[in-house]
Amino acid sequence: MKAQAHTSTARRIIHDDPSEGAAAIIKTAIIETPRVKNDNGKDAKADAKADRGQVVQSLCRALNILTILGSNDGPMTLTELSEAATLSPSTTHRLLTTLQYERYVRFDQSARGWVVGVQAYMTGANFLKTRNLVDVARPRMRRLMEESSEIVNLAVEENGEALYLARVGGPRAAQVAVPQTDRTLLHCSAVGKALLAGMPETKIQTIVTQRGMRQFTRSTLSSLPALYRDLTLVRTRGYALDQEERVSGLRCVAAPIFDENSRVMGALSLSGSSRRIEDARLRALGEMVKRAAAAVTQELGGRVPVPN
């Protein structure tokens, strides 16, 4: 049973046009206020718990084997797979034979081990074609808003700017005067710095050259060296901060979303007044938004890069 969401009248549409760059992964961006009940008035979490009784054990075991193979760098022997899956060799071999019949795995004769098959690749490739960032991120955005009581934003980089795709805010968050803009510059926003942190230095320089570093407030970063220092901190801690750098009295915390090649494809952020997002809350909110962004990354089939 899917949870339903009340949607406000504020709405903007971004067409799913491959020529539109980063916006091509989006069909509709919606500013919404969530509800946590399903259409029967029951808690959606209770439905999920009940659904666990519907699982097929052998299918779960086979999919687990496929996941183990997919996360390994090379072929795996029957013994290695059975130990990793905590199954007997006979059960593991029976499941592998079934997966092999459907071409999800294959046995590499030269390496004498099992590897992922072509059908798994084809299924994964189809997922990459049909995934929708807003649809995948929206449930995490609702949960993040409920946990933080702040406005949650989703953005991607397009033409050297942060393009906002969706925003979720509850009654308390609605009291904050967050600018209702579709775009913002990267150097002065938390989402922008989360996006910049995943870019090579040459691209950062190009964007700054083209867009400049306009100073909106006394806190806005106004030089490339200062921006580089801030981006180093973003990469180290895993989230970016906007310390009233775009709007006086407004603070934001953002974390990047990664694709299957560990490249930044978007960012989630929390926005709130400086009175509510105090210094004492910054670290907790940063970890909160980082966890949410990592969950979206995982659900999109992406990979969070391993720190050096």
Protein backbone atom coordinates (compact mmCIF):
# COMPACT_ATOMS: atom_id res chain seq x y z
CA MET A 1 0.00 0.00 0.00
CA LYS A 2 1.53 3.26 -1.01
CA ALA A 3 1.44 6.28 1.24
CA GLN A 4 -0.44 9.22 -0.23
CA ALA A 5 0.79 12.80 -0.09
CA HIS A 6 -1.19 16.04 -0.02
CA THR A 7 0.24 18.41 -2.60
CA SER A 8 0.07 22.17 -2.42
CA THR A 9 -1.11 24.25 -5.34
CA ALA A 10 2.43 25.54 -5.94
CA ARG A 11 3.83 23.47 -8.79
CA ARG A 12 6.36 23.81 -11.58
CA ILE A 13 7.02 21.40 -14.41
CA ILE A 14 10.38 20.37 -15.84
CA HIS A 15 9.97 18.35 -19.03
CA ASP A 16 11.82 15.09 -19.47
CA ASP A 17 13.77 16.32 -22.51
CA PRO A 18 17.19 14.72 -23.14
CA SER A 19 18.41 18.01 -24.57
CA GLU A 20 17.98 19.74 -21.23
CA GLY A 21 21.11 18.34 -19.58
CA ALA A 22 20.71 17.58 -15.89
CA ALA A 23 16.97 18.32 -16.07
CA ALA A 24 16.53 15.31 -18.36
CA ILE A 25 16.28 12.99 -15.36
CA ILE A 26 13.22 14.83 -14.10
CA LYS A 27 9.59 14.74 -15.22
CA THR A 28 7.86 16.82 -12.54
CA ALA A 29 9.13 18.85 -9.62
CA ILE A 30 6.56 19.46 -6.88
CA ILE A 31 6.51 21.58 -3.76
CA GLU A 32 4.52 19.45 -1.35
CA THR A 33 3.48 18.89 2.24
CA PRO A 34 3.47 15.21 3.25
CA ARG A 35 1.09 13.00 5.15
CA VAL A 36 2.21 9.81 6.79
CA LYS A 37 -1.01 7.77 6.45
CA ASN A 38 -1.94 5.49 3.59
CA ASP A 39 -5.29 5.67 1.80
CA ASN A 40 -6.91 3.41 4.42
CA GLY A 41 -5.91 5.75 7.22
CA LYS A 42 -3.29 3.32 8.52
CA ASP A 43 0.38 3.88 9.15
CA ALA A 44 2.35 3.02 5.99
CA LYS A 45 5.15 1.55 8.15
CA ALA A 46 2.72 -1.07 9.51
CA ASP A 47 1.90 -2.10 5.93
CA ALA A 48 5.60 -2.55 5.17
CA LYS A 49 6.01 -4.77 8.23
CA ALA A 50 3.07 -6.93 7.15
CA ASP A 51 4.53 -7.25 3.65
CA ARG A 52 7.61 -9.00 5.02
CA GLY A 53 5.48 -12.12 5.43
CA GLN A 54 5.00 -12.24 1.65
CA VAL A 55 8.67 -12.78 0.75
CA VAL A 56 9.88 -15.94 -1.00
CA GLN A 57 12.96 -17.22 0.81
CA SER A 58 14.61 -18.92 -2.17
CA LEU A 59 14.22 -15.78 -4.28
CA CYS A 60 15.74 -13.63 -1.52
CA ARG A 61 18.67 -16.03 -1.28
CA ALA A 62 19.24 -15.99 -5.04
CA LEU A 63 19.12 -12.19 -5.17
CA ASN A 64 21.54 -12.03 -2.26
CA ILE A 65 23.98 -14.21 -4.19
CA LEU A 66 23.62 -11.89 -7.18
CA THR A 67 24.28 -8.88 -4.93
CA ILE A 68 27.40 -10.53 -3.49
CA LEU A 69 28.73 -11.27 -6.99
CA GLY A 70 27.98 -7.72 -8.11
CA SER A 71 29.92 -6.20 -5.23
CA ASN A 72 32.97 -8.41 -5.76
CA ASP A 73 35.83 -7.29 -8.02
CA GLY A 74 36.37 -10.69 -9.65
CA PRO A 75 35.07 -14.26 -10.02
CA MET A 76 34.07 -16.13 -6.88
CA THR A 77 34.26 -19.85 -6.20
CA LEU A 78 31.33 -21.87 -4.93
CA THR A 79 32.94 -22.08 -1.50
CA GLU A 80 33.48 -18.30 -1.33
CA LEU A 81 29.89 -17.62 -2.35
CA SER A 82 28.36 -20.11 0.05
CA GLU A 83 30.37 -18.66 2.93
CA ALA A 84 29.50 -15.07 1.99
CA ALA A 85 25.80 -15.95 1.68
CA THR A 86 25.88 -18.19 4.80
CA LEU A 87 24.32 -21.05 2.83
CA SER A 88 25.37 -24.65 2.30
CA PRO A 89 27.37 -25.37 -0.88
CA SER A 90 24.55 -27.54 -2.25
CA THR A 91 21.92 -24.81 -1.78
CA THR A 92 24.26 -22.20 -3.23
CA HIS A 93 24.98 -24.37 -6.29
CA ARG A 94 21.27 -24.99 -6.89
CA LEU A 95 20.54 -21.25 -6.79
CA LEU A 96 23.52 -20.47 -9.04
CA THR A 97 22.32 -23.02 -11.58
CA THR A 98 18.91 -21.35 -11.69
CA LEU A 99 20.45 -17.91 -12.07
CA GLN A 100 22.76 -19.25 -14.78
CA TYR A 101 19.79 -20.67 -16.71
CA GLU A 102 18.26 -17.19 -16.77
CA ARG A 103 21.68 -15.64 -17.67
CA TYR A 104 21.93 -13.59 -14.48
CA VAL A 105 25.22 -15.31 -13.64
CA ARG A 106 27.74 -17.33 -15.60
CA PHE A 107 30.64 -19.61 -14.77
CA ASP A 108 33.99 -18.32 -16.04
CA GLN A 109 35.85 -21.44 -17.10
CA SER A 110 39.25 -19.76 -17.36
CA ALA A 111 39.04 -18.21 -13.89
CA ARG A 112 37.13 -21.17 -12.42
CA GLY A 113 34.66 -18.88 -10.72
CA TRP A 114 31.19 -17.34 -10.89
CA VAL A 115 30.57 -13.83 -12.27
CA VAL A 116 27.58 -11.62 -13.03
CA GLY A 117 25.83 -12.50 -16.29
CA VAL A 118 24.59 -10.43 -19.21
CA GLN A 119 20.94 -10.42 -18.12
CA ALA A 120 21.86 -8.70 -14.86
CA TYR A 121 23.65 -6.03 -16.89
CA MET A 122 20.66 -5.57 -19.19
CA THR A 123 18.30 -5.25 -16.22
CA GLY A 124 20.58 -2.73 -14.56
CA ALA A 125 20.94 -0.72 -17.76
CA ASN A 126 17.17 -0.49 -18.06
CA PHE A 127 16.96 0.79 -14.49
CA LEU A 128 19.46 3.54 -15.31
CA LYS A 129 17.30 4.60 -18.26
CA THR A 130 14.08 4.79 -16.27
CA ARG A 131 15.17 6.08 -12.85
CA ASN A 132 13.73 9.42 -11.82
CA LEU A 133 15.64 11.46 -9.25
CA VAL A 134 12.63 13.33 -7.86
CA ASP A 135 10.50 10.19 -7.51
CA VAL A 136 13.29 8.33 -5.71
CA ALA A 137 14.28 11.26 -3.48
CA ARG A 138 10.79 12.41 -2.49
CA PRO A 139 10.12 9.82 0.29
CA ARG A 140 13.53 10.57 1.83
CA MET A 141 12.83 14.29 1.61
CA ARG A 142 9.55 13.85 3.50
CA ARG A 143 11.25 11.81 6.20
CA LEU A 144 14.08 14.33 6.48
CA MET A 145 11.58 17.17 6.84
CA GLU A 146 9.75 15.27 9.59
CA GLU A 147 13.01 14.55 11.46
CA SER A 148 14.39 18.09 11.19
CA SER A 149 11.23 20.25 11.00
CA GLU A 150 13.04 22.27 8.34
CA ILE A 151 12.48 22.82 4.62
CA VAL A 152 14.12 20.17 2.42
CA ASN A 153 15.33 20.95 -1.11
CA LEU A 154 16.56 18.84 -4.03
CA ALA A 155 18.82 20.40 -6.66
CA VAL A 156 21.09 19.50 -9.58
CA GLU A 157 23.77 21.46 -11.42
CA GLU A 158 22.80 22.87 -14.80
CA ASN A 159 24.75 25.44 -16.79
CA GLY A 160 26.88 26.40 -13.79
CA GLU A 161 23.94 27.00 -11.46
CA ALA A 162 21.97 24.98 -8.92
CA LEU A 163 18.58 24.10 -10.39
CA TYR A 164 15.98 23.35 -7.70
CA LEU A 165 13.78 20.41 -8.62
CA ALA A 166 11.63 19.88 -5.52
CA ARG A 167 10.97 21.31 -2.08
CA VAL A 168 9.18 19.77 0.91
CA GLY A 169 8.10 21.77 3.95
CA GLY A 170 5.70 21.28 6.86
CA PRO A 171 3.64 23.83 8.85
CA ARG A 172 6.58 24.94 11.01
CA ALA A 173 8.95 25.15 8.06
CA ALA A 174 6.44 27.29 6.16
CA GLN A 175 7.13 30.11 8.63
CA VAL A 176 10.65 30.53 7.19
CA ALA A 177 11.07 33.09 4.41
CA VAL A 178 12.97 30.88 1.96
CA PRO A 179 13.36 32.52 -1.48
CA GLN A 180 11.06 30.78 -3.99
CA THR A 181 13.61 30.59 -6.76
CA ASP A 182 14.28 27.92 -9.37
CA ARG A 183 18.01 28.60 -9.54
CA THR A 184 20.88 29.96 -7.51
CA LEU A 185 24.62 30.42 -7.91
CA LEU A 186 26.82 27.62 -6.65
CA HIS A 187 29.42 29.46 -4.56
CA CYS A 188 26.90 30.97 -2.14
CA SER A 189 24.58 28.05 -1.41
CA ALA A 190 24.92 24.77 0.48
CA VAL A 191 23.49 22.75 -2.43
CA GLY A 192 25.83 24.58 -4.77
CA LYS A 193 28.91 23.80 -2.72
CA ALA A 194 27.81 20.16 -2.33
CA LEU A 195 27.64 20.00 -6.14
CA LEU A 196 30.95 21.83 -6.65
CA ALA A 197 32.79 19.55 -4.22
CA GLY A 198 32.40 16.65 -6.65
CA MET A 199 33.73 18.53 -9.66
CA PRO A 200 37.30 18.67 -10.98
CA GLU A 201 39.16 21.91 -10.33
CA THR A 202 39.10 22.89 -14.01
CA LYS A 203 35.30 22.79 -14.11
CA ILE A 204 35.04 24.81 -10.89
CA GLN A 205 37.32 27.45 -12.39
CA THR A 206 35.25 27.55 -15.59
CA ILE A 207 32.00 28.01 -13.66
CA VAL A 208 33.44 30.76 -11.46
CA THR A 209 34.85 32.52 -14.53
CA GLN A 210 31.50 32.39 -16.31
CA ARG A 211 29.20 33.08 -13.35
CA GLY A 212 31.42 35.17 -11.09
CA MET A 213 31.25 35.22 -7.30
CA ARG A 214 28.63 37.83 -6.52
CA GLN A 215 28.61 38.87 -2.86
CA PHE A 216 25.03 38.70 -1.56
CA THR A 217 25.81 39.18 2.15
CA ARG A 218 28.83 39.92 4.32
CA SER A 219 29.32 36.15 4.72
CA THR A 220 29.40 35.28 0.99
CA LEU A 221 32.65 33.69 -0.21
CA SER A 222 34.16 36.16 -2.65
CA SER A 223 37.45 34.58 -3.77
CA LEU A 224 38.43 31.29 -5.42
CA PRO A 225 40.98 30.35 -2.70
CA ALA A 226 38.30 30.81 -0.02
CA LEU A 227 35.91 28.65 -2.04
CA TYR A 228 38.54 25.92 -2.46
CA ARG A 229 39.16 25.88 1.29
CA ASP A 230 35.45 25.50 1.95
CA LEU A 231 35.11 22.70 -0.64
CA THR A 232 37.95 20.81 1.06
CA LEU A 233 35.90 20.87 4.27
CA VAL A 234 32.83 19.69 2.36
CA ARG A 235 34.69 16.65 1.04
CA THR A 236 36.13 15.85 4.47
CA ARG A 237 32.92 15.97 6.49
CA GLY A 238 30.52 14.94 3.69
CA TYR A 239 28.20 17.94 3.81
CA ALA A 240 28.22 21.65 2.92
CA LEU A 241 27.09 24.70 4.88
CA ASP A 242 25.54 27.99 3.86
CA GLN A 243 26.21 30.34 6.78
CA GLU A 244 23.86 33.16 5.72
CA GLU A 245 25.88 33.45 2.51
CA ARG A 246 22.92 33.83 0.16
CA VAL A 247 20.28 35.38 2.43
CA SER A 248 20.87 37.05 5.79
CA GLY A 249 19.14 35.13 8.55
CA LEU A 250 18.96 31.88 6.56
CA ARG A 251 21.19 28.83 7.03
CA CYS A 252 21.36 25.68 4.92
CA VAL A 253 23.04 22.28 5.17
CA ALA A 254 23.47 20.06 2.07
CA ALA A 255 24.95 16.71 1.04
CA PRO A 256 25.65 15.27 -2.42
CA ILE A 257 23.84 12.43 -4.21
CA PHE A 258 26.10 10.20 -6.33
CA ASP A 259 25.53 8.15 -9.49
CA GLU A 260 26.81 4.66 -10.30
CA ASN A 261 30.25 6.08 -11.15
CA SER A 262 30.52 7.99 -7.85
CA ARG A 263 29.95 11.30 -9.64
CA VAL A 264 27.77 13.94 -8.00
CA MET A 265 24.37 14.01 -9.72
CA GLY A 266 22.41 16.14 -7.24
CA ALA A 267 22.19 17.38 -3.67
CA LEU A 268 19.73 17.42 -0.78
CA SER A 269 19.61 20.37 1.59
CA LEU A 270 17.89 21.62 4.74
CA SER A 271 16.97 25.30 4.97
CA GLY A 272 15.92 27.20 8.07
CA SER A 273 16.27 30.41 9.99
CA SER A 274 19.50 31.13 11.83
CA ARG A 275 17.51 31.20 15.07
CA ARG A 276 16.46 27.57 14.58
CA ILE A 277 19.58 26.22 12.88
CA GLU A 278 21.97 27.22 15.64
CA ASP A 279 25.64 26.28 15.82
CA ALA A 280 24.81 23.47 18.25
CA ARG A 281 22.51 21.82 15.65
CA LEU A 282 24.73 22.13 12.59
CA ARG A 283 26.67 18.89 13.02
CA ALA A 284 23.58 16.81 13.83
CA LEU A 285 21.70 18.27 10.85
CA GLY A 286 24.74 17.71 8.63
CA GLU A 287 24.88 14.02 9.55
CA MET A 288 21.11 13.78 9.09
CA VAL A 289 21.12 15.18 5.56
CA LYS A 290 24.24 13.14 4.70
CA ARG A 291 22.43 9.92 5.68
CA ALA A 292 19.39 10.89 3.61
CA ALA A 293 21.53 11.70 0.56
CA ALA A 294 23.41 8.40 0.95
CA ALA A 295 20.08 6.54 1.07
CA VAL A 296 18.93 8.24 -2.15
CA THR A 297 22.30 7.38 -3.72
CA GLN A 298 21.83 3.72 -2.82
CA GLU A 299 18.25 3.61 -4.10
CA LEU A 300 19.37 5.14 -7.41
CA GLY A 301 22.05 2.47 -7.81
CA GLY A 302 24.80 4.97 -7.08
CA ARG A 303 28.00 4.65 -5.06
CA VAL A 304 29.24 6.98 -2.36
CA PRO A 305 32.99 7.46 -3.04
CA VAL A 306 35.43 6.10 -0.48
CA PRO A 307 37.39 8.95 1.18
CA ASN A 308 41.10 9.05 0.35
